[in-house]
Amino acid sequence: MASERIEVLKSILLDLHNGASAESVQELFNEHFTGVSAIEISLMEHELMNSDTGITFEDVMSLCNVHANLFKGAIQNIEVADSDHPGHPVQVFKQENLALRAALLRVRRLLASYEEAENSDMKGELAKGLLRQLGLVGQFDIHYRRKEELMFPIMESYGHDSPPRVMWGVDDQIRELFQQALSKAQDLPEEEIADVQAAFETFAAEFEAMIFKEESILLMILLESFTQDDWLKIADESPSYGYAIIQPTEKWQPHRQSFEEEPDDRESAISQFHSLAEGTLEQIIETPEGEIRISYQAKEKKPKLADRFSQQPFGHGYLSLEEANLILNHLPLEITFVNKEDIFQYYNDSGPADEMIFKRTPSQIGRNVELCHPPKLLKKVRAIFDSLRKGEKDKFEMWFKSQSRGKFVHVTYRAVRDEAGLFQGVLEYVQDIQPFRDIKEDFYSE
């Protein structure tokens, strides 16, 4: 039955893709469905993008608003007690959306007041207030990054890889619309207020539509799929990315039931045996008819792996695992290793998470490298990795000025090859080289 419903849903989106009106498919939708789960939406999008219909994730992304409206009012609610607790990632997510909505309303009021203001002094004060409120709205990027970097990897691990790709693509479009609106607001009073209002409303329409998609589709998928451990992982890693406008009022600490066996059960059972030989025990049970003998043979113990502090041959010398880890973490570089299967396998701890140039979290480990990048960058990422894999180049270097952080960032992607020259993966290292650019004289000049 579920597969039939997914086929109907898929058919509806294909009709939309081929030019059918939203009204016509809405009627078909109402005819066949009284409710639809978020999991079915995810499966539908997955099948659309992995079938031979020729539909890509860009196509689904372009239909995102239309099919979101189809599901409005028809999505089954999922009640999960934990998600109502203060500090739970779902509660924090919704509170951020409330705060962002409030900031949108304040921006609208300021734009209307600016339009009605009669003198330049008043307009100047309103413009300052407008930019402050837009700064608050702009914190939606923090909200989106937590969604993309913490929630999406877990979704993918459960097989829901299509919704993240579509939503990340729309997120990037919303980011671009916001930058356009912000740029026009920064140009006041030279910019016409009507143009600023139009740019802002274009952004706001897409942004508010995304809030609906997050709360009525995305969170429903997550609440159906994620375990308590998944939510705890998100809660633990969220501070590394920060929060939009609001801060959680308390830390979420759910009750955890222990199901571990009592530690003395095995010892109590073994104590009833007496030793026959080394590693062999026997218990004798007397019955009227005779004796019952039960023997216990200990399993051969496997040799212990070297601990973190044991010295091992390493390169041209000796290092323990602990020393190697410390050395990598003390390098003035952010290091990432993607293996030959394109799986994100390792990153070092070069500094506090909130100071990292490219934030990395444990939830990204084991993720395909393509899923770690916004859809708009996939073409460049694929080109770099293909060229390194084929041996066309050994490394790519790029650099950019980070205005928000005051850093001049240098990024290198280098192919990792073994002694036989076989490709084993890609090493990325990132460094702030602004301090080198600021050097004025030779240390040994005097």
Protein backbone atom coordinates (compact mmCIF):
# COMPACT_ATOMS: atom_id res chain seq x y z
CA MET A 1 0.00 0.00 0.00
CA ALA A 2 2.80 2.41 0.91
CA SER A 3 4.57 1.80 -2.40
CA GLU A 4 1.33 2.56 -4.29
CA ARG A 5 0.93 5.86 -2.45
CA ILE A 6 4.51 6.78 -3.23
CA GLU A 7 3.87 6.04 -6.91
CA VAL A 8 0.86 8.38 -6.88
CA LEU A 9 2.88 11.10 -5.16
CA LYS A 10 5.66 10.64 -7.66
CA SER A 11 3.15 10.86 -10.49
CA ILE A 12 1.85 14.16 -9.12
CA LEU A 13 5.31 15.73 -9.09
CA LEU A 14 6.03 14.41 -12.56
CA ASP A 15 2.82 16.07 -13.76
CA LEU A 16 3.98 19.32 -12.18
CA HIS A 17 7.37 18.94 -13.82
CA ASN A 18 5.66 18.48 -17.19
CA GLY A 19 3.61 21.66 -16.83
CA ALA A 20 0.43 20.67 -14.99
CA SER A 21 -1.12 23.42 -12.86
CA ALA A 22 -0.88 23.34 -9.08
CA GLU A 23 -4.68 23.44 -8.87
CA SER A 24 -5.14 20.34 -11.03
CA VAL A 25 -2.71 18.21 -9.03
CA GLN A 26 -4.09 19.56 -5.75
CA GLU A 27 -7.46 18.04 -6.64
CA LEU A 28 -5.81 14.71 -7.48
CA PHE A 29 -3.88 14.83 -4.23
CA ASN A 30 -7.02 15.47 -2.16
CA GLU A 31 -8.77 12.61 -3.96
CA HIS A 32 -6.14 10.01 -3.05
CA PHE A 33 -4.80 11.14 0.34
CA THR A 34 -6.29 12.04 3.68
CA GLY A 35 -2.81 12.12 5.27
CA VAL A 36 0.76 11.56 4.21
CA SER A 37 3.80 10.88 6.34
CA ALA A 38 7.03 12.79 6.02
CA ILE A 39 8.86 9.50 5.40
CA GLU A 40 6.79 9.00 2.24
CA ILE A 41 7.78 12.47 1.05
CA SER A 42 11.42 11.53 1.56
CA LEU A 43 11.04 8.22 -0.28
CA MET A 44 9.18 9.97 -3.09
CA GLU A 45 11.94 12.53 -3.62
CA HIS A 46 14.56 9.79 -3.41
CA GLU A 47 12.83 7.74 -6.12
CA LEU A 48 12.33 10.79 -8.32
CA MET A 49 16.02 11.59 -8.33
CA ASN A 50 17.17 7.98 -8.67
CA SER A 51 14.82 6.82 -11.41
CA ASP A 52 15.24 6.86 -15.18
CA THR A 53 12.70 9.68 -15.62
CA GLY A 54 15.51 12.19 -16.14
CA ILE A 55 14.37 14.26 -13.15
CA THR A 56 17.31 15.72 -11.20
CA PHE A 57 17.50 17.20 -7.74
CA GLU A 58 17.49 20.64 -9.40
CA ASP A 59 14.06 19.78 -10.88
CA VAL A 60 12.72 18.70 -7.50
CA MET A 61 14.20 21.81 -5.94
CA SER A 62 12.33 23.99 -8.44
CA LEU A 63 9.10 22.21 -7.47
CA CYS A 64 9.84 22.42 -3.76
CA ASN A 65 7.42 25.26 -2.98
CA VAL A 66 4.64 23.71 -5.05
CA HIS A 67 4.74 20.29 -3.48
CA ALA A 68 5.23 21.78 0.00
CA ASN A 69 1.91 23.58 -0.48
CA LEU A 70 0.28 20.29 -1.50
CA PHE A 71 1.30 18.74 1.80
CA LYS A 72 0.27 21.75 3.91
CA GLY A 73 -2.54 20.71 6.21
CA ALA A 74 -2.29 17.06 5.19
CA ILE A 75 0.84 16.01 7.05
CA GLN A 76 0.44 13.67 9.96
CA ASN A 77 1.67 15.06 13.26
CA ILE A 78 4.19 13.03 15.19
CA GLU A 79 4.11 13.37 18.96
CA VAL A 80 7.46 12.75 20.65
CA ALA A 81 7.60 13.67 24.34
CA ASP A 82 11.33 14.43 24.37
CA SER A 83 10.98 17.09 21.68
CA ASP A 84 8.83 19.22 24.01
CA HIS A 85 11.60 19.55 26.58
CA PRO A 86 13.52 22.85 26.85
CA GLY A 87 16.94 22.56 25.20
CA HIS A 88 15.89 19.72 22.88
CA PRO A 89 17.18 20.49 19.34
CA VAL A 90 13.61 20.52 17.98
CA GLN A 91 12.51 23.08 20.59
CA VAL A 92 15.57 25.23 19.94
CA PHE A 93 14.98 25.00 16.17
CA LYS A 94 11.36 26.18 16.52
CA GLN A 95 12.26 28.97 18.96
CA GLU A 96 14.83 30.26 16.49
CA ASN A 97 12.18 30.33 13.77
CA LEU A 98 9.86 32.30 16.06
CA ALA A 99 12.62 34.82 16.80
CA LEU A 100 13.49 35.10 13.11
CA ARG A 101 9.83 35.66 12.21
CA ALA A 102 9.66 38.45 14.81
CA ALA A 103 12.75 40.07 13.27
CA LEU A 104 11.09 39.91 9.84
CA LEU A 105 8.07 41.81 11.19
CA ARG A 106 10.33 44.48 12.70
CA VAL A 107 12.11 44.91 9.36
CA ARG A 108 8.76 45.34 7.60
CA ARG A 109 7.68 48.02 10.10
CA LEU A 110 10.97 49.89 9.71
CA LEU A 111 10.70 49.81 5.92
CA ALA A 112 7.17 51.20 6.12
CA SER A 113 8.27 53.92 8.58
CA TYR A 114 11.21 54.85 6.38
CA GLU A 115 8.87 55.27 3.41
CA GLU A 116 6.67 57.63 5.44
CA ALA A 117 9.51 59.59 7.10
CA GLU A 118 9.60 63.25 6.10
CA ASN A 119 13.17 64.36 6.88
CA SER A 120 16.66 62.98 6.33
CA ASP A 121 17.56 62.78 10.04
CA MET A 122 14.63 60.51 10.76
CA LYS A 123 15.41 58.43 7.67
CA GLY A 124 19.02 58.13 8.85
CA GLU A 125 17.98 56.74 12.27
CA LEU A 126 15.49 54.37 10.67
CA ALA A 127 18.17 53.13 8.26
CA LYS A 128 20.46 52.33 11.21
CA GLY A 129 17.68 50.42 12.94
CA LEU A 130 16.89 48.62 9.71
CA LEU A 131 20.47 47.38 9.34
CA ARG A 132 20.51 46.21 12.97
CA GLN A 133 17.34 44.18 12.44
CA LEU A 134 18.63 42.79 9.16
CA GLY A 135 21.73 41.72 11.08
CA LEU A 136 19.47 39.69 13.37
CA VAL A 137 17.60 38.20 10.42
CA GLY A 138 20.96 37.31 8.86
CA GLN A 139 21.60 34.95 11.77
CA PHE A 140 19.35 32.48 9.94
CA ASP A 141 22.62 31.35 8.34
CA ILE A 142 23.66 29.87 11.74
CA HIS A 143 20.31 28.07 11.93
CA TYR A 144 20.79 26.70 8.40
CA ARG A 145 24.38 25.59 9.04
CA ARG A 146 23.37 23.55 12.09
CA LYS A 147 20.63 21.95 10.00
CA GLU A 148 23.00 21.20 7.11
CA GLU A 149 26.02 20.06 9.13
CA LEU A 150 24.38 18.23 12.05
CA MET A 151 20.93 17.03 10.96
CA PHE A 152 21.56 16.21 7.31
CA PRO A 153 24.41 13.68 7.93
CA ILE A 154 22.19 11.64 10.26
CA MET A 155 19.32 11.78 7.76
CA GLU A 156 21.66 10.43 5.09
CA SER A 157 22.72 7.58 7.38
CA TYR A 158 19.06 6.45 7.44
CA GLY A 159 18.81 6.59 3.64
CA HIS A 160 17.11 10.00 3.36
CA ASP A 161 19.72 11.59 1.12
CA SER A 162 17.40 13.37 -1.33
CA PRO A 163 15.62 15.86 0.99
CA PRO A 164 18.92 17.26 2.33
CA ARG A 165 20.25 17.89 -1.17
CA VAL A 166 17.06 19.65 -2.24
CA MET A 167 16.75 21.71 0.94
CA TRP A 168 20.44 22.71 0.96
CA GLY A 169 20.04 23.96 -2.60
CA VAL A 170 17.04 26.09 -1.59
CA ASP A 171 18.94 27.31 1.49
CA ASP A 172 21.66 28.67 -0.77
CA GLN A 173 19.10 30.44 -2.94
CA ILE A 174 17.66 32.07 0.19
CA ARG A 175 21.15 33.14 1.26
CA GLU A 176 21.65 34.86 -2.10
CA LEU A 177 18.26 36.62 -1.89
CA PHE A 178 19.12 37.90 1.59
CA GLN A 179 22.46 39.29 0.41
CA GLN A 180 20.69 41.11 -2.42
CA ALA A 181 18.17 42.66 0.01
CA LEU A 182 20.91 43.57 2.50
CA SER A 183 23.03 45.19 -0.20
CA LYS A 184 20.12 47.40 -1.28
CA ALA A 185 19.37 48.38 2.33
CA GLN A 186 23.02 49.32 2.86
CA ASP A 187 22.78 51.66 -0.14
CA LEU A 188 19.99 53.78 1.37
CA PRO A 189 19.24 56.63 0.80
CA GLU A 190 20.70 56.37 -2.73
CA GLU A 191 18.63 53.22 -3.30
CA GLU A 192 14.89 53.67 -3.79
CA ILE A 193 12.97 52.43 -0.74
CA ALA A 194 10.50 50.64 -3.05
CA ASP A 195 13.37 48.59 -4.49
CA VAL A 196 14.61 47.73 -0.99
CA GLN A 197 11.12 46.63 0.04
CA ALA A 198 10.71 44.52 -3.12
CA ALA A 199 14.06 42.77 -2.60
CA PHE A 200 13.27 42.13 1.06
CA GLU A 201 9.82 40.71 0.33
CA THR A 202 11.28 38.40 -2.34
CA PHE A 203 13.68 37.06 0.29
CA ALA A 204 11.02 36.93 3.02
CA ALA A 205 8.59 34.91 0.89
CA GLU A 206 11.18 32.17 0.28
CA PHE A 207 12.43 32.35 3.85
CA GLU A 208 8.96 31.94 5.38
CA ALA A 209 8.24 29.08 2.97
CA MET A 210 11.40 27.37 4.23
CA ILE A 211 10.20 27.73 7.82
CA PHE A 212 7.07 25.81 6.82
CA LYS A 213 9.15 23.11 5.10
CA GLU A 214 11.43 22.80 8.15
CA GLU A 215 8.65 22.46 10.70
CA SER A 216 6.03 20.57 8.67
CA ILE A 217 8.24 18.30 6.57
CA LEU A 218 11.85 18.19 7.77
CA LEU A 219 11.17 17.87 11.50
CA MET A 220 8.49 15.27 10.82
CA ILE A 221 11.05 13.13 8.97
CA LEU A 222 13.53 13.58 11.80
CA LEU A 223 11.04 12.78 14.55
CA GLU A 224 10.01 9.61 12.72
CA SER A 225 13.61 8.53 12.08
CA PHE A 226 15.98 9.80 14.76
CA THR A 227 16.73 8.02 18.02
CA GLN A 228 17.32 9.73 21.34
CA ASP A 229 21.05 9.19 20.81
CA ASP A 230 20.84 11.05 17.49
CA TRP A 231 19.20 14.05 19.17
CA LEU A 232 21.75 13.97 21.99
CA LYS A 233 24.55 14.04 19.44
CA ILE A 234 22.99 17.09 17.74
CA ALA A 235 22.49 18.81 21.11
CA ASP A 236 26.12 18.17 22.12
CA GLU A 237 27.57 19.48 18.83
CA SER A 238 25.23 22.47 18.38
CA PRO A 239 27.24 24.92 20.54
CA SER A 240 30.10 24.63 18.02
CA TYR A 241 27.88 26.35 15.45
CA GLY A 242 25.98 28.69 17.75
CA TYR A 243 22.34 29.74 17.65
CA ALA A 244 20.21 32.27 15.75
CA ILE A 245 19.08 35.20 17.94
CA ILE A 246 18.07 33.05 20.93
CA GLN A 247 20.13 30.88 23.29
CA PRO A 248 18.82 27.62 24.83
CA THR A 249 17.61 28.33 28.36
CA GLU A 250 18.84 24.99 29.67
CA LYS A 251 20.66 21.84 28.62
CA TRP A 252 18.47 18.94 27.57
CA GLN A 253 19.21 15.88 29.72
CA PRO A 254 16.74 13.07 29.07
CA HIS A 255 16.18 10.25 31.50
CA ARG A 256 18.28 7.27 30.46
CA GLN A 257 17.24 3.74 31.50
CA SER A 258 20.12 1.34 32.06
CA PHE A 259 19.68 -2.21 30.82
CA GLU A 260 23.13 -3.49 31.81
CA GLU A 261 23.35 -6.80 33.66
CA GLU A 262 24.33 -6.81 37.30
CA PRO A 263 28.14 -7.01 37.36
CA ASP A 264 28.29 -9.92 39.81
CA ASP A 265 25.97 -12.31 37.89
CA ARG A 266 28.78 -13.99 35.95
CA GLU A 267 31.13 -14.03 38.95
CA SER A 268 28.41 -15.61 41.09
CA ALA A 269 27.81 -18.31 38.48
CA ILE A 270 31.51 -19.11 38.06
CA SER A 271 32.10 -19.22 41.83
CA GLN A 272 29.97 -22.38 41.98
CA PHE A 273 32.63 -24.21 39.90
CA HIS A 274 35.90 -25.73 41.19
CA SER A 275 39.15 -25.79 39.24
CA LEU A 276 40.27 -28.90 37.34
CA ALA A 277 43.24 -27.35 35.53
CA GLU A 278 44.37 -23.93 34.37
CA GLY A 279 41.48 -22.34 32.50
CA THR A 280 39.13 -25.31 33.16
CA LEU A 281 36.41 -25.43 35.82
CA GLU A 282 33.91 -28.14 36.74
CA GLN A 283 30.70 -28.19 38.78
CA ILE A 284 29.25 -31.44 40.18
CA ILE A 285 25.52 -31.64 40.96
CA GLU A 286 24.48 -34.62 43.10
CA THR A 287 21.16 -36.32 42.29
CA PRO A 288 19.62 -39.53 43.69
CA GLU A 289 20.41 -41.29 40.41
CA GLY A 290 23.97 -40.02 40.07
CA GLU A 291 26.14 -36.97 39.40
CA ILE A 292 25.72 -34.29 36.77
CA ARG A 293 29.05 -32.78 35.75
CA ILE A 294 29.15 -29.34 34.07
CA SER A 295 32.49 -28.09 32.76
CA TYR A 296 33.56 -24.52 31.98
CA GLN A 297 36.44 -23.80 29.59
CA ALA A 298 37.67 -20.20 29.47
CA LYS A 299 38.03 -18.73 25.99
CA GLU A 300 41.51 -18.03 24.79
CA LYS A 301 42.26 -14.38 25.41
CA LYS A 302 43.14 -12.37 22.36
CA PRO A 303 46.31 -10.32 22.58
CA LYS A 304 45.60 -6.74 23.53
CA LEU A 305 46.09 -4.08 20.93
CA ALA A 306 48.82 -1.60 21.64
CA ASP A 307 47.53 1.15 23.90
CA ARG A 308 47.61 4.83 23.01
CA PHE A 309 50.86 5.36 24.86
CA SER A 310 52.96 2.48 23.46
CA GLN A 311 55.76 3.51 21.10
CA GLN A 312 55.35 2.24 17.55
CA PRO A 313 57.55 2.52 14.43
CA PHE A 314 56.31 5.68 12.74
CA GLY A 315 57.89 7.17 9.62
CA HIS A 316 61.57 7.84 10.39
CA GLY A 317 61.24 7.28 14.12
CA TYR A 318 58.90 6.21 16.87
CA LEU A 319 55.64 7.71 18.11
CA SER A 320 52.77 6.55 20.26
CA LEU A 321 49.20 7.02 19.03
CA GLU A 322 48.78 9.69 21.70
CA GLU A 323 51.87 11.58 20.53
CA ALA A 324 50.83 11.39 16.87
CA ASN A 325 47.40 12.75 17.75
CA LEU A 326 48.92 15.59 19.81
CA ILE A 327 51.31 16.53 17.01
CA LEU A 328 48.51 16.67 14.43
CA ASN A 329 46.37 18.76 16.76
CA HIS A 330 49.23 21.22 17.42
CA LEU A 331 49.91 21.92 13.76
CA PRO A 332 48.76 25.47 12.82
CA LEU A 333 46.53 23.97 10.12
CA GLU A 334 43.03 22.57 9.85
CA ILE A 335 43.57 19.12 8.35
CA THR A 336 40.91 16.95 6.72
CA PHE A 337 41.43 13.55 5.07
CA VAL A 338 38.97 12.08 2.54
CA ASN A 339 39.80 8.49 1.61
CA LYS A 340 39.88 6.95 -1.87
CA GLU A 341 36.18 6.02 -1.60
CA ASP A 342 35.41 9.75 -1.15
CA ILE A 343 34.48 9.22 2.51
CA PHE A 344 35.31 11.95 5.03
CA GLN A 345 37.52 9.94 7.39
CA TYR A 346 39.50 12.30 9.65
CA TYR A 347 39.99 15.86 10.84
CA ASN A 348 42.33 17.28 13.47
CA ASP A 349 41.53 19.46 16.47
CA SER A 350 43.64 22.49 15.65
CA GLY A 351 41.70 24.84 17.93
CA PRO A 352 38.33 25.61 19.52
CA ALA A 353 35.37 24.80 17.25
CA ASP A 354 34.12 28.40 17.27
CA GLU A 355 37.49 29.59 15.91
CA MET A 356 37.75 27.08 13.08
CA ILE A 357 37.76 28.46 9.53
CA PHE A 358 35.89 25.41 8.20
CA LYS A 359 33.87 23.90 11.04
CA ARG A 360 34.09 20.14 11.43
CA THR A 361 32.10 17.93 13.80
CA PRO A 362 32.15 14.18 14.61
CA SER A 363 28.80 13.69 12.83
CA GLN A 364 30.51 14.41 9.50
CA ILE A 365 32.85 11.42 9.83
CA GLY A 366 31.81 8.61 7.48
CA ARG A 367 29.91 10.99 5.17
CA ASN A 368 30.49 11.14 1.42
CA VAL A 369 32.50 14.26 0.62
CA GLU A 370 29.91 15.44 -1.91
CA LEU A 371 27.28 15.56 0.83
CA CYS A 372 29.54 17.79 2.94
CA HIS A 373 29.34 20.65 0.42
CA PRO A 374 26.49 22.90 -0.74
CA PRO A 375 24.94 21.73 -4.04
CA LYS A 376 26.19 24.85 -5.83
CA LEU A 377 29.81 23.77 -5.14
CA LEU A 378 29.44 20.13 -6.21
CA LYS A 379 30.68 20.72 -9.75
CA LYS A 380 33.93 22.29 -8.49
CA VAL A 381 34.42 19.63 -5.81
CA ARG A 382 33.95 16.80 -8.31
CA ALA A 383 36.35 18.41 -10.77
CA ILE A 384 39.07 18.79 -8.12
CA PHE A 385 38.73 15.23 -6.83
CA ASP A 386 38.56 13.70 -10.32
CA SER A 387 41.71 15.56 -11.39
CA LEU A 388 43.63 14.48 -8.27
CA ARG A 389 42.41 10.89 -8.57
CA LYS A 390 43.46 10.65 -12.25
CA GLY A 391 46.87 12.17 -11.56
CA GLU A 392 46.23 15.19 -13.78
CA LYS A 393 47.38 17.35 -10.88
CA ASP A 394 48.97 16.66 -7.50
CA LYS A 395 47.43 19.61 -5.70
CA PHE A 396 45.06 22.56 -5.97
CA GLU A 397 45.62 25.80 -4.07
CA MET A 398 43.19 28.66 -3.50
CA TRP A 399 42.86 31.61 -1.15
CA PHE A 400 40.26 34.15 -0.11
CA LYS A 401 39.77 37.04 2.28
CA SER A 402 37.30 36.32 5.09
CA GLN A 403 35.82 39.73 5.85
CA SER A 404 33.82 38.56 8.84
CA ARG A 405 36.82 36.94 10.54
CA GLY A 406 39.56 39.28 9.35
CA LYS A 407 41.56 36.33 8.02
CA PHE A 408 43.33 35.64 4.76
CA VAL A 409 42.63 31.95 4.21
CA HIS A 410 44.84 29.63 2.18
CA VAL A 411 43.41 26.23 1.19
CA THR A 412 45.28 23.28 -0.36
CA TYR A 413 43.86 20.02 -1.71
CA ARG A 414 46.65 17.47 -2.20
CA ALA A 415 46.44 13.95 -3.60
CA VAL A 416 47.67 11.26 -1.17
CA ARG A 417 49.45 8.42 -2.97
CA ASP A 418 51.21 5.35 -1.57
CA GLU A 419 54.75 4.20 -2.43
CA ALA A 420 53.43 2.53 -5.58
CA GLY A 421 51.84 5.78 -6.68
CA LEU A 422 48.28 4.52 -6.13
CA PHE A 423 45.70 7.11 -5.12
CA GLN A 424 44.63 6.74 -1.46
CA GLY A 425 42.63 9.91 -0.89
CA VAL A 426 42.78 13.69 -0.60
CA LEU A 427 44.34 15.75 2.16
CA GLU A 428 42.91 19.23 2.67
CA TYR A 429 44.80 21.71 4.82
CA VAL A 430 43.58 25.18 5.65
CA GLN A 431 45.56 28.01 7.24
CA ASP A 432 45.09 31.65 8.16
CA ILE A 433 48.07 33.35 6.48
CA GLN A 434 47.11 36.89 7.48
CA PRO A 435 49.84 36.94 10.20
CA PHE A 436 52.46 36.21 7.51
CA ARG A 437 51.13 39.02 5.33
CA ASP A 438 51.40 41.38 8.32
CA ILE A 439 55.14 40.73 8.84
CA LYS A 440 57.01 43.97 8.21
CA GLU A 441 60.66 43.08 8.69
CA ASP A 442 63.18 40.25 8.76
CA PHE A 443 63.60 38.77 12.25
CA TYR A 444 67.35 38.34 11.56
CA SER A 445 67.82 41.77 10.00
CA GLU A 446 69.49 43.26 13.09
